[in-house]
Amino acid sequence: MNSLLSQQRCLNHAGREAVARCPVCHQCYCRECVTEHDDRLICAACLKKAFPPLARRRFRLARVLRAGQCALGMLTAWLFFYWMGQALLSIPTSFHEGTVWQGGWWEAE
């Protein structure tokens, strides 16, 4: 294929002029269909092939771990407020009524 790149059309968009040729599959693409990876322009299909499925599995695992962290944070917040409520409930009623301060050693009778 020795023709000029300016005369080529994008493989995905027939109405657009090609601006780059993928070094892997040797097809011509417009600006929207190529991306820069490792200092070269490459098409989306070849870029997808460059990443192994293991990387995608790690991404799924990251989502599961993020959801677990969120659940752990919610549980921690719930436990904090539960224990604070229990602490407030353990305060004697006389403290709330103000009678706990009456009859102490500091009051002279």
PDB file of N, CA and C in Angstrom:
ATOM      1  N   MET A   1       0.840  -1.179   0.000  1.00  0.00           N
ATOM      2  CA  MET A   1       0.000   0.000   0.000  1.00  0.00           C
ATOM      3  C   MET A   1       0.881   1.237   0.000  1.00  0.00           C
ATOM      4  N   ASN A   2       1.266   1.673  -1.145  1.00  0.00           N
ATOM      5  CA  ASN A   2       2.152   2.822  -1.260  1.00  0.00           C
ATOM      6  C   ASN A   2       1.403   4.110  -1.547  1.00  0.00           C
ATOM      7  N   SER A   3       0.098   4.117  -1.444  1.00  0.00           N
ATOM      8  CA  SER A   3      -0.665   5.328  -1.727  1.00  0.00           C
ATOM      9  C   SER A   3      -0.512   6.319  -0.582  1.00  0.00           C
ATOM     10  N   LEU A   4      -0.768   7.556  -0.886  1.00  0.00           N
ATOM     11  CA  LEU A   4      -0.649   8.615   0.109  1.00  0.00           C
ATOM     12  C   LEU A   4      -1.707   8.457   1.198  1.00  0.00           C
ATOM     13  N   LEU A   5      -1.320   8.790   2.415  1.00  0.00           N
ATOM     14  CA  LEU A   5      -2.242   8.691   3.545  1.00  0.00           C
ATOM     15  C   LEU A   5      -3.395   9.674   3.408  1.00  0.00           C
ATOM     16  N   SER A   6      -3.128  10.819   2.790  1.00  0.00           N
ATOM     17  CA  SER A   6      -4.186  11.830   2.633  1.00  0.00           C
ATOM     18  C   SER A   6      -5.294  11.364   1.704  1.00  0.00           C
ATOM     19  N   GLN A   7      -5.030  10.386   0.861  1.00  0.00           N
ATOM     20  CA  GLN A   7      -6.056   9.871  -0.045  1.00  0.00           C
ATOM     21  C   GLN A   7      -6.828   8.707   0.578  1.00  0.00           C
ATOM     22  N   GLN A   8      -6.387   8.240   1.730  1.00  0.00           N
ATOM     23  CA  GLN A   8      -7.038   7.122   2.407  1.00  0.00           C
ATOM     24  C   GLN A   8      -8.193   7.615   3.270  1.00  0.00           C
ATOM     25  N   ARG A   9      -9.129   6.738   3.526  1.00  0.00           N
ATOM     26  CA  ARG A   9     -10.268   7.025   4.391  1.00  0.00           C
ATOM     27  C   ARG A   9     -10.180   6.146   5.625  1.00  0.00           C
ATOM     28  N   CYS A  10     -10.788   6.590   6.694  1.00  0.00           N
ATOM     29  CA  CYS A  10     -10.788   5.843   7.959  1.00  0.00           C
ATOM     30  C   CYS A  10     -11.525   4.513   7.777  1.00  0.00           C
ATOM     31  N   LEU A  11     -10.997   3.475   8.374  1.00  0.00           N
ATOM     32  CA  LEU A  11     -11.618   2.161   8.271  1.00  0.00           C
ATOM     33  C   LEU A  11     -12.994   2.154   8.953  1.00  0.00           C
ATOM     34  N   ASN A  12     -13.138   2.875  10.076  1.00  0.00           N
ATOM     35  CA  ASN A  12     -14.404   2.905  10.822  1.00  0.00           C
ATOM     36  C   ASN A  12     -15.361   3.996  10.346  1.00  0.00           C
ATOM     37  N   HIS A  13     -14.827   5.094   9.818  1.00  0.00           N
ATOM     38  CA  HIS A  13     -15.650   6.228   9.379  1.00  0.00           C
ATOM     39  C   HIS A  13     -15.289   6.542   7.925  1.00  0.00           C
ATOM     40  N   ALA A  14     -16.049   6.039   7.013  1.00  0.00           N
ATOM     41  CA  ALA A  14     -15.726   6.164   5.587  1.00  0.00           C
ATOM     42  C   ALA A  14     -15.724   7.611   5.106  1.00  0.00           C
ATOM     43  N   GLY A  15     -16.439   8.483   5.758  1.00  0.00           N
ATOM     44  CA  GLY A  15     -16.505   9.881   5.335  1.00  0.00           C
ATOM     45  C   GLY A  15     -15.362  10.725   5.848  1.00  0.00           C
ATOM     46  N   ARG A  16     -14.482  10.166   6.666  1.00  0.00           N
ATOM     47  CA  ARG A  16     -13.391  10.948   7.249  1.00  0.00           C
ATOM     48  C   ARG A  16     -12.052  10.574   6.624  1.00  0.00           C
ATOM     49  N   GLU A  17     -11.209  11.591   6.531  1.00  0.00           N
ATOM     50  CA  GLU A  17      -9.874  11.385   5.995  1.00  0.00           C
ATOM     51  C   GLU A  17      -9.000  10.693   7.033  1.00  0.00           C
ATOM     52  N   ALA A  18      -8.192   9.766   6.603  1.00  0.00           N
ATOM     53  CA  ALA A  18      -7.290   9.063   7.513  1.00  0.00           C
ATOM     54  C   ALA A  18      -6.108   9.959   7.850  1.00  0.00           C
ATOM     55  N   VAL A  19      -5.704   9.937   9.111  1.00  0.00           N
ATOM     56  CA  VAL A  19      -4.563  10.744   9.543  1.00  0.00           C
ATOM     57  C   VAL A  19      -3.428   9.883  10.082  1.00  0.00           C
ATOM     58  N   ALA A  20      -3.691   8.617  10.342  1.00  0.00           N
ATOM     59  CA  ALA A  20      -2.653   7.744  10.884  1.00  0.00           C
ATOM     60  C   ALA A  20      -2.880   6.322  10.412  1.00  0.00           C
ATOM     61  N   ARG A  21      -1.794   5.591  10.436  1.00  0.00           N
ATOM     62  CA  ARG A  21      -1.848   4.178  10.075  1.00  0.00           C
ATOM     63  C   ARG A  21      -1.360   3.386  11.273  1.00  0.00           C
ATOM     64  N   CYS A  22      -2.146   2.425  11.693  1.00  0.00           N
ATOM     65  CA  CYS A  22      -1.795   1.613  12.862  1.00  0.00           C
ATOM     66  C   CYS A  22      -0.566   0.767  12.524  1.00  0.00           C
ATOM     67  N   PRO A  23       0.470   0.805  13.360  1.00  0.00           N
ATOM     68  CA  PRO A  23       1.681   0.032  13.065  1.00  0.00           C
ATOM     69  C   PRO A  23       1.496  -1.471  13.260  1.00  0.00           C
ATOM     70  N   VAL A  24       0.425  -1.873  13.929  1.00  0.00           N
ATOM     71  CA  VAL A  24       0.202  -3.294  14.192  1.00  0.00           C
ATOM     72  C   VAL A  24      -0.620  -3.935  13.075  1.00  0.00           C
ATOM     73  N   CYS A  25      -1.800  -3.386  12.799  1.00  0.00           N
ATOM     74  CA  CYS A  25      -2.686  -3.981  11.792  1.00  0.00           C
ATOM     75  C   CYS A  25      -2.554  -3.323  10.414  1.00  0.00           C
ATOM     76  N   HIS A  26      -1.838  -2.203  10.330  1.00  0.00           N
ATOM     77  CA  HIS A  26      -1.565  -1.481   9.085  1.00  0.00           C
ATOM     78  C   HIS A  26      -2.822  -0.944   8.410  1.00  0.00           C
ATOM     79  N   GLN A  27      -3.869  -0.666   9.182  1.00  0.00           N
ATOM     80  CA  GLN A  27      -5.083  -0.052   8.654  1.00  0.00           C
ATOM     81  C   GLN A  27      -5.014   1.453   8.888  1.00  0.00           C
ATOM     82  N   CYS A  28      -5.759   2.229   8.112  1.00  0.00           N
ATOM     83  CA  CYS A  28      -5.776   3.686   8.229  1.00  0.00           C
ATOM     84  C   CYS A  28      -6.968   4.112   9.081  1.00  0.00           C
ATOM     85  N   TYR A  29      -6.748   5.144   9.906  1.00  0.00           N
ATOM     86  CA  TYR A  29      -7.782   5.608  10.834  1.00  0.00           C
ATOM     87  C   TYR A  29      -7.780   7.126  10.916  1.00  0.00           C
ATOM     88  N   CYS A  30      -8.937   7.678  11.329  1.00  0.00           N
ATOM     89  CA  CYS A  30      -9.061   9.112  11.564  1.00  0.00           C
ATOM     90  C   CYS A  30      -8.558   9.442  12.974  1.00  0.00           C
ATOM     91  N   ARG A  31      -8.611  10.717  13.353  1.00  0.00           N
ATOM     92  CA  ARG A  31      -8.105  11.157  14.663  1.00  0.00           C
ATOM     93  C   ARG A  31      -8.839  10.516  15.837  1.00  0.00           C
ATOM     94  N   GLU A  32     -10.127  10.288  15.696  1.00  0.00           N
ATOM     95  CA  GLU A  32     -10.919   9.740  16.794  1.00  0.00           C
ATOM     96  C   GLU A  32     -10.696   8.247  17.010  1.00  0.00           C
ATOM     97  N   CYS A  33     -10.149   7.568  16.028  1.00  0.00           N
ATOM     98  CA  CYS A  33     -10.010   6.112  16.114  1.00  0.00           C
ATOM     99  C   CYS A  33      -8.627   5.646  16.569  1.00  0.00           C
ATOM    100  N   VAL A  34      -7.698   6.565  16.742  1.00  0.00           N
ATOM    101  CA  VAL A  34      -6.353   6.178  17.190  1.00  0.00           C
ATOM    102  C   VAL A  34      -6.055   6.845  18.521  1.00  0.00           C
ATOM    103  N   THR A  35      -5.142   6.256  19.252  1.00  0.00           N
ATOM    104  CA  THR A  35      -4.688   6.821  20.512  1.00  0.00           C
ATOM    105  C   THR A  35      -3.190   6.603  20.623  1.00  0.00           C
ATOM    106  N   GLU A  36      -2.540   7.403  21.447  1.00  0.00           N
ATOM    107  CA  GLU A  36      -1.104   7.262  21.622  1.00  0.00           C
ATOM    108  C   GLU A  36      -0.817   6.278  22.739  1.00  0.00           C
ATOM    109  N   HIS A  37       0.030   5.312  22.460  1.00  0.00           N
ATOM    110  CA  HIS A  37       0.436   4.314  23.448  1.00  0.00           C
ATOM    111  C   HIS A  37       1.894   3.963  23.178  1.00  0.00           C
ATOM    112  N   ASP A  38       2.728   4.077  24.194  1.00  0.00           N
ATOM    113  CA  ASP A  38       4.168   3.816  24.058  1.00  0.00           C
ATOM    114  C   ASP A  38       4.785   4.645  22.941  1.00  0.00           C
ATOM    115  N   ASP A  39       4.428   5.926  22.903  1.00  0.00           N
ATOM    116  CA  ASP A  39       4.970   6.884  21.927  1.00  0.00           C
ATOM    117  C   ASP A  39       4.668   6.534  20.476  1.00  0.00           C
ATOM    118  N   ARG A  40       3.559   5.869  20.231  1.00  0.00           N
ATOM    119  CA  ARG A  40       3.124   5.612  18.863  1.00  0.00           C
ATOM    120  C   ARG A  40       1.614   5.605  18.816  1.00  0.00           C
ATOM    121  N   LEU A  41       1.066   5.917  17.644  1.00  0.00           N
ATOM    122  CA  LEU A  41      -0.378   5.906  17.444  1.00  0.00           C
ATOM    123  C   LEU A  41      -0.818   4.494  17.124  1.00  0.00           C
ATOM    124  N   ILE A  42      -1.860   4.035  17.813  1.00  0.00           N
ATOM    125  CA  ILE A  42      -2.338   2.662  17.640  1.00  0.00           C
ATOM    126  C   ILE A  42      -3.864   2.677  17.671  1.00  0.00           C
ATOM    127  N   CYS A  43      -4.496   1.772  16.938  1.00  0.00           N
ATOM    128  CA  CYS A  43      -5.964   1.725  16.902  1.00  0.00           C
ATOM    129  C   CYS A  43      -6.500   1.053  18.175  1.00  0.00           C
ATOM    130  N   ALA A  44      -7.780   1.249  18.428  1.00  0.00           N
ATOM    131  CA  ALA A  44      -8.400   0.721  19.654  1.00  0.00           C
ATOM    132  C   ALA A  44      -8.388  -0.802  19.695  1.00  0.00           C
ATOM    133  N   ALA A  45      -8.606  -1.455  18.569  1.00  0.00           N
ATOM    134  CA  ALA A  45      -8.629  -2.926  18.539  1.00  0.00           C
ATOM    135  C   ALA A  45      -7.257  -3.498  18.889  1.00  0.00           C
ATOM    136  N   CYS A  46      -6.206  -2.915  18.349  1.00  0.00           N
ATOM    137  CA  CYS A  46      -4.853  -3.407  18.644  1.00  0.00           C
ATOM    138  C   CYS A  46      -4.446  -3.073  20.075  1.00  0.00           C
ATOM    139  N   LEU A  47      -4.903  -1.933  20.576  1.00  0.00           N
ATOM    140  CA  LEU A  47      -4.612  -1.574  21.960  1.00  0.00           C
ATOM    141  C   LEU A  47      -5.295  -2.546  22.915  1.00  0.00           C
ATOM    142  N   LYS A  48      -6.514  -2.957  22.581  1.00  0.00           N
ATOM    143  CA  LYS A  48      -7.231  -3.919  23.417  1.00  0.00           C
ATOM    144  C   LYS A  48      -6.509  -5.267  23.427  1.00  0.00           C
ATOM    145  N   LYS A  49      -5.969  -5.655  22.290  1.00  0.00           N
ATOM    146  CA  LYS A  49      -5.219  -6.912  22.215  1.00  0.00           C
ATOM    147  C   LYS A  49      -3.911  -6.842  23.004  1.00  0.00           C
ATOM    148  N   ALA A  50      -3.367  -5.628  23.155  1.00  0.00           N
ATOM    149  CA  ALA A  50      -2.085  -5.467  23.840  1.00  0.00           C
ATOM    150  C   ALA A  50      -2.206  -5.715  25.338  1.00  0.00           C
ATOM    151  N   PHE A  51      -3.398  -5.510  25.893  1.00  0.00           N
ATOM    152  CA  PHE A  51      -3.599  -5.734  27.328  1.00  0.00           C
ATOM    153  C   PHE A  51      -4.182  -7.116  27.546  1.00  0.00           C
ATOM    154  N   PRO A  52      -3.529  -7.932  28.341  1.00  0.00           N
ATOM    155  CA  PRO A  52      -4.031  -9.298  28.571  1.00  0.00           C
ATOM    156  C   PRO A  52      -5.297  -9.285  29.419  1.00  0.00           C
ATOM    157  N   PRO A  53      -6.090 -10.344  29.351  1.00  0.00           N
ATOM    158  CA  PRO A  53      -7.316 -10.431  30.158  1.00  0.00           C
ATOM    159  C   PRO A  53      -7.047 -10.377  31.656  1.00  0.00           C
ATOM    160  N   LEU A  54      -5.833 -10.723  32.092  1.00  0.00           N
ATOM    161  CA  LEU A  54      -5.496 -10.676  33.511  1.00  0.00           C
ATOM    162  C   LEU A  54      -5.644  -9.263  34.063  1.00  0.00           C
ATOM    163  N   ALA A  55      -5.283  -8.272  33.275  1.00  0.00           N
ATOM    164  CA  ALA A  55      -5.418  -6.884  33.723  1.00  0.00           C
ATOM    165  C   ALA A  55      -6.893  -6.550  33.945  1.00  0.00           C
ATOM    166  N   ARG A  56      -7.761  -7.068  33.095  1.00  0.00           N
ATOM    167  CA  ARG A  56      -9.195  -6.817  33.274  1.00  0.00           C
ATOM    168  C   ARG A  56      -9.716  -7.511  34.525  1.00  0.00           C
ATOM    169  N   ARG A  57      -9.189  -8.696  34.839  1.00  0.00           N
ATOM    170  CA  ARG A  57      -9.600  -9.395  36.059  1.00  0.00           C
ATOM    171  C   ARG A  57      -9.172  -8.618  37.285  1.00  0.00           C
ATOM    172  N   ARG A  58      -7.981  -8.040  37.247  1.00  0.00           N
ATOM    173  CA  ARG A  58      -7.516  -7.232  38.375  1.00  0.00           C
ATOM    174  C   ARG A  58      -8.412  -6.025  38.578  1.00  0.00           C
ATOM    175  N   PHE A  59      -8.917  -5.450  37.491  1.00  0.00           N
ATOM    176  CA  PHE A  59      -9.811  -4.307  37.594  1.00  0.00           C
ATOM    177  C   PHE A  59     -11.110  -4.713  38.294  1.00  0.00           C
ATOM    178  N   ARG A  60     -11.625  -5.912  37.970  1.00  0.00           N
ATOM    179  CA  ARG A  60     -12.835  -6.406  38.647  1.00  0.00           C
ATOM    180  C   ARG A  60     -12.561  -6.627  40.122  1.00  0.00           C
ATOM    181  N   LEU A  61     -11.396  -7.184  40.441  1.00  0.00           N
ATOM    182  CA  LEU A  61     -11.020  -7.411  41.829  1.00  0.00           C
ATOM    183  C   LEU A  61     -10.906  -6.080  42.567  1.00  0.00           C
ATOM    184  N   ALA A  62     -10.406  -5.067  41.905  1.00  0.00           N
ATOM    185  CA  ALA A  62     -10.300  -3.743  42.524  1.00  0.00           C
ATOM    186  C   ALA A  62     -11.685  -3.196  42.859  1.00  0.00           C
ATOM    187  N   ARG A  63     -12.659  -3.432  41.989  1.00  0.00           N
ATOM    188  CA  ARG A  63     -14.025  -2.972  42.269  1.00  0.00           C
ATOM    189  C   ARG A  63     -14.603  -3.683  43.481  1.00  0.00           C
ATOM    190  N   VAL A  64     -14.349  -4.986  43.584  1.00  0.00           N
ATOM    191  CA  VAL A  64     -14.842  -5.753  44.731  1.00  0.00           C
ATOM    192  C   VAL A  64     -14.179  -5.262  46.011  1.00  0.00           C
ATOM    193  N   LEU A  65     -12.876  -5.016  45.957  1.00  0.00           N
ATOM    194  CA  LEU A  65     -12.170  -4.510  47.135  1.00  0.00           C
ATOM    195  C   LEU A  65     -12.669  -3.122  47.535  1.00  0.00           C
ATOM    196  N   ARG A  66     -12.952  -2.279  46.556  1.00  0.00           N
ATOM    197  CA  ARG A  66     -13.472  -0.940  46.853  1.00  0.00           C
ATOM    198  C   ARG A  66     -14.839  -1.027  47.524  1.00  0.00           C
ATOM    199  N   ALA A  67     -15.691  -1.939  47.054  1.00  0.00           N
ATOM    200  CA  ALA A  67     -17.005  -2.129  47.678  1.00  0.00           C
ATOM    201  C   ALA A  67     -16.846  -2.664  49.095  1.00  0.00           C
ATOM    202  N   GLY A  68     -15.887  -3.561  49.317  1.00  0.00           N
ATOM    203  CA  GLY A  68     -15.634  -4.076  50.665  1.00  0.00           C
ATOM    204  C   GLY A  68     -15.143  -2.987  51.601  1.00  0.00           C
ATOM    205  N   GLN A  69     -14.286  -2.098  51.105  1.00  0.00           N
ATOM    206  CA  GLN A  69     -13.819  -0.991  51.922  1.00  0.00           C
ATOM    207  C   GLN A  69     -14.969  -0.063  52.288  1.00  0.00           C
ATOM    208  N   CYS A  70     -15.862   0.175  51.365  1.00  0.00           N
ATOM    209  CA  CYS A  70     -17.021   1.020  51.633  1.00  0.00           C
ATOM    210  C   CYS A  70     -17.906   0.389  52.703  1.00  0.00           C
ATOM    211  N   ALA A  71     -18.146  -0.908  52.591  1.00  0.00           N
ATOM    212  CA  ALA A  71     -18.964  -1.612  53.589  1.00  0.00           C
ATOM    213  C   ALA A  71     -18.289  -1.584  54.957  1.00  0.00           C
ATOM    214  N   LEU A  72     -16.985  -1.764  54.999  1.00  0.00           N
ATOM    215  CA  LEU A  72     -16.256  -1.717  56.266  1.00  0.00           C
ATOM    216  C   LEU A  72     -16.325  -0.321  56.884  1.00  0.00           C
ATOM    217  N   GLY A  73     -16.248   0.702  56.076  1.00  0.00           N
ATOM    218  CA  GLY A  73     -16.377   2.074  56.567  1.00  0.00           C
ATOM    219  C   GLY A  73     -17.763   2.338  57.142  1.00  0.00           C
ATOM    220  N   MET A  74     -18.788   1.847  56.457  1.00  0.00           N
ATOM    221  CA  MET A  74     -20.156   2.025  56.954  1.00  0.00           C
ATOM    222  C   MET A  74     -20.347   1.284  58.283  1.00  0.00           C
ATOM    223  N   LEU A  75     -19.804   0.072  58.387  1.00  0.00           N
ATOM    224  CA  LEU A  75     -19.894  -0.692  59.619  1.00  0.00           C
ATOM    225  C   LEU A  75     -19.173   0.019  60.759  1.00  0.00           C
ATOM    226  N   THR A  76     -17.999   0.566  60.475  1.00  0.00           N
ATOM    227  CA  THR A  76     -17.244   1.299  61.497  1.00  0.00           C
ATOM    228  C   THR A  76     -18.027   2.514  61.982  1.00  0.00           C
ATOM    229  N   ALA A  77     -18.611   3.269  61.064  1.00  0.00           N
ATOM    230  CA  ALA A  77     -19.405   4.444  61.452  1.00  0.00           C
ATOM    231  C   ALA A  77     -20.616   4.015  62.279  1.00  0.00           C
ATOM    232  N   TRP A  78     -21.281   2.936  61.880  1.00  0.00           N
ATOM    233  CA  TRP A  78     -22.446   2.476  62.624  1.00  0.00           C
ATOM    234  C   TRP A  78     -22.046   2.058  64.040  1.00  0.00           C
ATOM    235  N   LEU A  79     -20.942   1.311  64.173  1.00  0.00           N
ATOM    236  CA  LEU A  79     -20.486   0.886  65.497  1.00  0.00           C
ATOM    237  C   LEU A  79     -20.123   2.080  66.370  1.00  0.00           C
ATOM    238  N   PHE A  80     -19.471   3.090  65.799  1.00  0.00           N
ATOM    239  CA  PHE A  80     -19.117   4.280  66.556  1.00  0.00           C
ATOM    240  C   PHE A  80     -20.364   4.949  67.136  1.00  0.00           C
ATOM    241  N   PHE A  81     -21.359   5.189  66.306  1.00  0.00           N
ATOM    242  CA  PHE A  81     -22.570   5.854  66.777  1.00  0.00           C
ATOM    243  C   PHE A  81     -23.372   4.960  67.724  1.00  0.00           C
ATOM    244  N   TYR A  82     -23.340   3.654  67.523  1.00  0.00           N
ATOM    245  CA  TYR A  82     -24.019   2.733  68.433  1.00  0.00           C
ATOM    246  C   TYR A  82     -23.388   2.810  69.823  1.00  0.00           C
ATOM    247  N   TRP A  83     -22.059   2.747  69.880  1.00  0.00           N
ATOM    248  CA  TRP A  83     -21.374   2.792  71.175  1.00  0.00           C
ATOM    249  C   TRP A  83     -21.514   4.156  71.850  1.00  0.00           C
ATOM    250  N   MET A  84     -21.549   5.214  71.064  1.00  0.00           N
ATOM    251  CA  MET A  84     -21.782   6.548  71.654  1.00  0.00           C
ATOM    252  C   MET A  84     -23.191   6.610  72.240  1.00  0.00           C
ATOM    253  N   GLY A  85     -24.163   6.038  71.576  1.00  0.00           N
ATOM    254  CA  GLY A  85     -25.530   6.002  72.106  1.00  0.00           C
ATOM    255  C   GLY A  85     -25.606   5.187  73.382  1.00  0.00           C
ATOM    256  N   GLN A  86     -24.912   4.058  73.410  1.00  0.00           N
ATOM    257  CA  GLN A  86     -24.897   3.228  74.621  1.00  0.00           C
ATOM    258  C   GLN A  86     -24.241   3.970  75.778  1.00  0.00           C
ATOM    259  N   ALA A  87     -23.191   4.719  75.481  1.00  0.00           N
ATOM    260  CA  ALA A  87     -22.524   5.497  76.531  1.00  0.00           C
ATOM    261  C   ALA A  87     -23.458   6.568  77.079  1.00  0.00           C
ATOM    262  N   LEU A  88     -24.202   7.229  76.217  1.00  0.00           N
ATOM    263  CA  LEU A  88     -25.145   8.250  76.676  1.00  0.00           C
ATOM    264  C   LEU A  88     -26.284   7.630  77.488  1.00  0.00           C
ATOM    265  N   LEU A  89     -26.720   6.436  77.099  1.00  0.00           N
ATOM    266  CA  LEU A  89     -27.784   5.770  77.842  1.00  0.00           C
ATOM    267  C   LEU A  89     -27.316   5.279  79.211  1.00  0.00           C
ATOM    268  N   SER A  90     -26.020   5.056  79.380  1.00  0.00           N
ATOM    269  CA  SER A  90     -25.512   4.557  80.657  1.00  0.00           C
ATOM    270  C   SER A  90     -25.361   5.665  81.700  1.00  0.00           C
ATOM    271  N   ILE A  91     -25.499   6.908  81.305  1.00  0.00           N
ATOM    272  CA  ILE A  91     -25.422   8.019  82.265  1.00  0.00           C
ATOM    273  C   ILE A  91     -26.671   7.962  83.140  1.00  0.00           C
ATOM    274  N   PRO A  92     -26.506   8.047  84.470  1.00  0.00           N
ATOM    275  CA  PRO A  92     -27.672   7.945  85.360  1.00  0.00           C
ATOM    276  C   PRO A  92     -28.663   9.092  85.168  1.00  0.00           C
ATOM    277  N   THR A  93     -29.919   8.806  85.464  1.00  0.00           N
ATOM    278  CA  THR A  93     -30.984   9.790  85.313  1.00  0.00           C
ATOM    279  C   THR A  93     -30.759  10.992  86.224  1.00  0.00           C
ATOM    280  N   SER A  94     -30.172  10.780  87.397  1.00  0.00           N
ATOM    281  CA  SER A  94     -29.936  11.888  88.316  1.00  0.00           C
ATOM    282  C   SER A  94     -29.009  12.944  87.709  1.00  0.00           C
ATOM    283  N   PHE A  95     -28.137  12.545  86.819  1.00  0.00           N
ATOM    284  CA  PHE A  95     -27.267  13.513  86.153  1.00  0.00           C
ATOM    285  C   PHE A  95     -28.081  14.424  85.241  1.00  0.00           C
ATOM    286  N   HIS A  96     -29.048  13.851  84.541  1.00  0.00           N
ATOM    287  CA  HIS A  96     -29.878  14.635  83.629  1.00  0.00           C
ATOM    288  C   HIS A  96     -30.830  15.549  84.383  1.00  0.00           C
ATOM    289  N   GLU A  97     -31.275  15.130  85.543  1.00  0.00           N
ATOM    290  CA  GLU A  97     -32.209  15.947  86.334  1.00  0.00           C
ATOM    291  C   GLU A  97     -31.486  17.019  87.121  1.00  0.00           C
ATOM    292  N   GLY A  98     -30.192  16.935  87.236  1.00  0.00           N
ATOM    293  CA  GLY A  98     -29.426  17.929  87.971  1.00  0.00           C
ATOM    294  C   GLY A  98     -29.295  17.608  89.446  1.00  0.00           C
ATOM    295  N   THR A  99     -29.819  16.481  89.880  1.00  0.00           N
ATOM    296  CA  THR A  99     -29.757  16.145  91.306  1.00  0.00           C
ATOM    297  C   THR A  99     -28.449  15.484  91.696  1.00  0.00           C
ATOM    298  N   VAL A 100     -27.639  15.108  90.766  1.00  0.00           N
ATOM    299  CA  VAL A 100     -26.374  14.474  91.085  1.00  0.00           C
ATOM    300  C   VAL A 100     -25.425  15.458  91.777  1.00  0.00           C
ATOM    301  N   TRP A 101     -25.624  16.732  91.548  1.00  0.00           N
ATOM    302  CA  TRP A 101     -24.751  17.754  92.124  1.00  0.00           C
ATOM    303  C   TRP A 101     -25.202  18.180  93.516  1.00  0.00           C
ATOM    304  N   GLN A 102     -26.374  17.776  93.915  1.00  0.00           N
ATOM    305  CA  GLN A 102     -26.875  18.180  95.246  1.00  0.00           C
ATOM    306  C   GLN A 102     -26.373  17.213  96.306  1.00  0.00           C
ATOM    307  N   GLY A 103     -26.005  17.726  97.446  1.00  0.00           N
ATOM    308  CA  GLY A 103     -25.596  16.902  98.574  1.00  0.00           C
ATOM    309  C   GLY A 103     -24.174  16.431  98.490  1.00  0.00           C
ATOM    310  N   GLY A 104     -23.337  17.090  97.728  1.00  0.00           N
ATOM    311  CA  GLY A 104     -21.946  16.685  97.611  1.00  0.00           C
ATOM    312  C   GLY A 104     -21.130  17.232  98.770  1.00  0.00           C
ATOM    313  N   TRP A 105     -19.848  16.881  98.842  1.00  0.00           N
ATOM    314  CA  TRP A 105     -18.988  17.324  99.900  1.00  0.00           C
ATOM    315  C   TRP A 105     -18.683  18.814  99.841  1.00  0.00           C
ATOM    316  N   TRP A 106     -18.852  19.408  98.648  1.00  0.00           N
ATOM    317  CA  TRP A 106     -18.550  20.828  98.471  1.00  0.00           C
ATOM    318  C   TRP A 106     -19.650  21.728  98.993  1.00  0.00           C
ATOM    319  N   GLU A 107     -20.812  21.164  99.257  1.00  0.00           N
ATOM    320  CA  GLU A 107     -21.904  21.975  99.782  1.00  0.00           C
ATOM    321  C   GLU A 107     -21.877  21.928 101.307  1.00  0.00           C
ATOM    322  N   ALA A 108     -21.857  23.049 101.913  1.00  0.00           N
ATOM    323  CA  ALA A 108     -21.872  23.110 103.385  1.00  0.00           C
ATOM    324  C   ALA A 108     -23.314  23.115 103.839  1.00  0.00           C
ATOM    325  N   GLU A 109     -23.588  22.260 104.794  1.00  0.00           N
ATOM    326  CA  GLU A 109     -24.965  22.196 105.292  1.00  0.00           C
ATOM    327  C   GLU A 109     -25.094  22.850 106.629  1.00  0.00           C
TER     328      GLU A 109
END
